[in-house]
């Protein structure tokens, strides 16, 4: 029998601020995908986004990227940022 470990989901305050600025249907799709990520942590490969940030992974949802870390001891998926890839390329 396969045991599923459920991960709690946490959002950094800036994530909720950013989602409030996004079109409502897309914001809901992104929120739903974070819930899906949390329920599938053990079934997915989580590759670091860079060697400098070994604990940070990303997941693509269309043009959007969800940046997150996983605390396996606490069973927590921590969402750090959700951003449009065009904004990421443009820089500050």
C-alpha atoms as a PDB file:
ATOM      1  CA  UNK A   1       0.000   0.000   0.000  1.00  0.00           C
ATOM      2  CA  UNK A   2       1.316   3.422  -0.951  1.00  0.00           C
ATOM      3  CA  UNK A   3       1.162   6.024   1.781  1.00  0.00           C
ATOM      4  CA  UNK A   4       0.555   9.592   0.688  1.00  0.00           C
ATOM      5  CA  UNK A   5       2.072  12.341   2.728  1.00  0.00           C
ATOM      6  CA  UNK A   6       0.112  15.563   2.569  1.00  0.00           C
ATOM      7  CA  UNK A   7       2.097  18.769   2.581  1.00  0.00           C
ATOM      8  CA  UNK A   8       0.809  21.959   4.096  1.00  0.00           C
ATOM      9  CA  UNK A   9       0.897  25.025   1.883  1.00  0.00           C
ATOM     10  CA  UNK A  10       2.286  28.419   2.875  1.00  0.00           C
ATOM     11  CA  UNK A  11       2.441  31.612   0.848  1.00  0.00           C
ATOM     12  CA  UNK A  12       4.872  34.454   1.423  1.00  0.00           C
ATOM     13  CA  UNK A  13       2.969  37.757   1.916  1.00  0.00           C
ATOM     14  CA  UNK A  14       4.218  39.155  -1.418  1.00  0.00           C
ATOM     15  CA  UNK A  15       2.666  36.188  -3.263  1.00  0.00           C
ATOM     16  CA  UNK A  16      -0.834  37.093  -2.118  1.00  0.00           C
ATOM     17  CA  UNK A  17      -0.231  40.746  -3.037  1.00  0.00           C
ATOM     18  CA  UNK A  18       0.931  39.706  -6.511  1.00  0.00           C
ATOM     19  CA  UNK A  19      -2.028  37.362  -7.030  1.00  0.00           C
ATOM     20  CA  UNK A  20      -4.436  40.183  -6.172  1.00  0.00           C
ATOM     21  CA  UNK A  21      -3.100  42.108  -9.209  1.00  0.00           C
ATOM     22  CA  UNK A  22      -3.610  39.222 -11.659  1.00  0.00           C
ATOM     23  CA  UNK A  23      -6.781  38.588 -13.655  1.00  0.00           C
ATOM     24  CA  UNK A  24      -9.098  36.589 -11.387  1.00  0.00           C
ATOM     25  CA  UNK A  25      -9.392  33.384 -13.465  1.00  0.00           C
ATOM     26  CA  UNK A  26      -5.599  33.126 -13.868  1.00  0.00           C
ATOM     27  CA  UNK A  27      -5.020  33.859 -10.180  1.00  0.00           C
ATOM     28  CA  UNK A  28      -7.418  31.011  -9.321  1.00  0.00           C
ATOM     29  CA  UNK A  29      -5.649  28.677 -11.765  1.00  0.00           C
ATOM     30  CA  UNK A  30      -2.300  29.492 -10.131  1.00  0.00           C
ATOM     31  CA  UNK A  31      -3.710  28.944  -6.621  1.00  0.00           C
ATOM     32  CA  UNK A  32      -5.202  25.627  -7.722  1.00  0.00           C
ATOM     33  CA  UNK A  33      -1.815  24.593  -9.138  1.00  0.00           C
ATOM     34  CA  UNK A  34      -0.059  25.369  -5.838  1.00  0.00           C
ATOM     35  CA  UNK A  35      -2.579  23.086  -4.099  1.00  0.00           C
ATOM     36  CA  UNK A  36      -1.884  20.402  -6.699  1.00  0.00           C
ATOM     37  CA  UNK A  37       1.880  20.792  -6.137  1.00  0.00           C
ATOM     38  CA  UNK A  38       1.407  20.377  -2.376  1.00  0.00           C
ATOM     39  CA  UNK A  39      -0.618  17.196  -2.874  1.00  0.00           C
ATOM     40  CA  UNK A  40       1.933  15.753  -5.337  1.00  0.00           C
ATOM     41  CA  UNK A  41       5.254  16.726  -3.719  1.00  0.00           C
ATOM     42  CA  UNK A  42       6.508  13.152  -3.537  1.00  0.00           C
ATOM     43  CA  UNK A  43       5.542  12.334  -7.139  1.00  0.00           C
ATOM     44  CA  UNK A  44       7.391  15.229  -8.803  1.00  0.00           C
ATOM     45  CA  UNK A  45      11.019  16.046  -9.523  1.00  0.00           C
ATOM     46  CA  UNK A  46      11.982  19.339  -7.919  1.00  0.00           C
ATOM     47  CA  UNK A  47      15.045  20.702  -9.662  1.00  0.00           C
ATOM     48  CA  UNK A  48      16.802  23.706  -8.149  1.00  0.00           C
ATOM     49  CA  UNK A  49      16.504  26.856 -10.244  1.00  0.00           C
ATOM     50  CA  UNK A  50      20.248  27.475  -9.800  1.00  0.00           C
ATOM     51  CA  UNK A  51      23.256  26.234  -7.871  1.00  0.00           C
ATOM     52  CA  UNK A  52      23.158  29.447  -5.838  1.00  0.00           C
ATOM     53  CA  UNK A  53      19.617  28.629  -4.670  1.00  0.00           C
ATOM     54  CA  UNK A  54      19.631  24.860  -4.084  1.00  0.00           C
ATOM     55  CA  UNK A  55      16.400  24.798  -2.073  1.00  0.00           C
ATOM     56  CA  UNK A  56      14.304  26.818  -4.530  1.00  0.00           C
ATOM     57  CA  UNK A  57      12.418  25.104  -7.367  1.00  0.00           C
ATOM     58  CA  UNK A  58      10.022  26.364 -10.032  1.00  0.00           C
ATOM     59  CA  UNK A  59       6.963  25.022 -11.777  1.00  0.00           C
ATOM     60  CA  UNK A  60       5.567  26.404 -15.045  1.00  0.00           C
ATOM     61  CA  UNK A  61       1.896  27.204 -15.552  1.00  0.00           C
ATOM     62  CA  UNK A  62       1.615  28.661 -19.045  1.00  0.00           C
ATOM     63  CA  UNK A  63       3.539  31.948 -19.033  1.00  0.00           C
ATOM     64  CA  UNK A  64       3.650  31.946 -15.228  1.00  0.00           C
ATOM     65  CA  UNK A  65       6.248  30.481 -12.880  1.00  0.00           C
ATOM     66  CA  UNK A  66       5.658  29.313  -9.316  1.00  0.00           C
ATOM     67  CA  UNK A  67       8.831  29.481  -7.203  1.00  0.00           C
ATOM     68  CA  UNK A  68       8.742  27.328  -4.085  1.00  0.00           C
ATOM     69  CA  UNK A  69      10.751  25.418  -1.515  1.00  0.00           C
ATOM     70  CA  UNK A  70       9.958  22.193   0.293  1.00  0.00           C
ATOM     71  CA  UNK A  71      10.530  21.460   3.968  1.00  0.00           C
ATOM     72  CA  UNK A  72      10.320  17.671   4.147  1.00  0.00           C
ATOM     73  CA  UNK A  73      10.664  17.581   7.932  1.00  0.00           C
ATOM     74  CA  UNK A  74       7.699  19.915   8.396  1.00  0.00           C
ATOM     75  CA  UNK A  75       5.798  18.590   5.348  1.00  0.00           C
ATOM     76  CA  UNK A  76       5.504  22.139   4.044  1.00  0.00           C
ATOM     77  CA  UNK A  77       5.483  23.555   0.519  1.00  0.00           C
ATOM     78  CA  UNK A  78       6.430  27.234   0.815  1.00  0.00           C
ATOM     79  CA  UNK A  79       5.509  29.424  -2.181  1.00  0.00           C
ATOM     80  CA  UNK A  80       8.021  32.276  -2.441  1.00  0.00           C
ATOM     81  CA  UNK A  81       6.896  33.992  -5.641  1.00  0.00           C
ATOM     82  CA  UNK A  82       4.524  33.707  -8.580  1.00  0.00           C
ATOM     83  CA  UNK A  83       5.572  35.738 -11.609  1.00  0.00           C
ATOM     84  CA  UNK A  84       4.990  36.047 -15.329  1.00  0.00           C
ATOM     85  CA  UNK A  85       8.065  34.877 -17.233  1.00  0.00           C
ATOM     86  CA  UNK A  86       8.018  38.095 -19.322  1.00  0.00           C
ATOM     87  CA  UNK A  87       8.403  40.142 -16.133  1.00  0.00           C
ATOM     88  CA  UNK A  88      11.245  37.884 -15.001  1.00  0.00           C
ATOM     89  CA  UNK A  89      13.145  38.444 -18.246  1.00  0.00           C
ATOM     90  CA  UNK A  90      12.584  42.198 -18.158  1.00  0.00           C
ATOM     91  CA  UNK A  91      14.194  42.465 -14.722  1.00  0.00           C
ATOM     92  CA  UNK A  92      13.777  45.304 -12.234  1.00  0.00           C
END
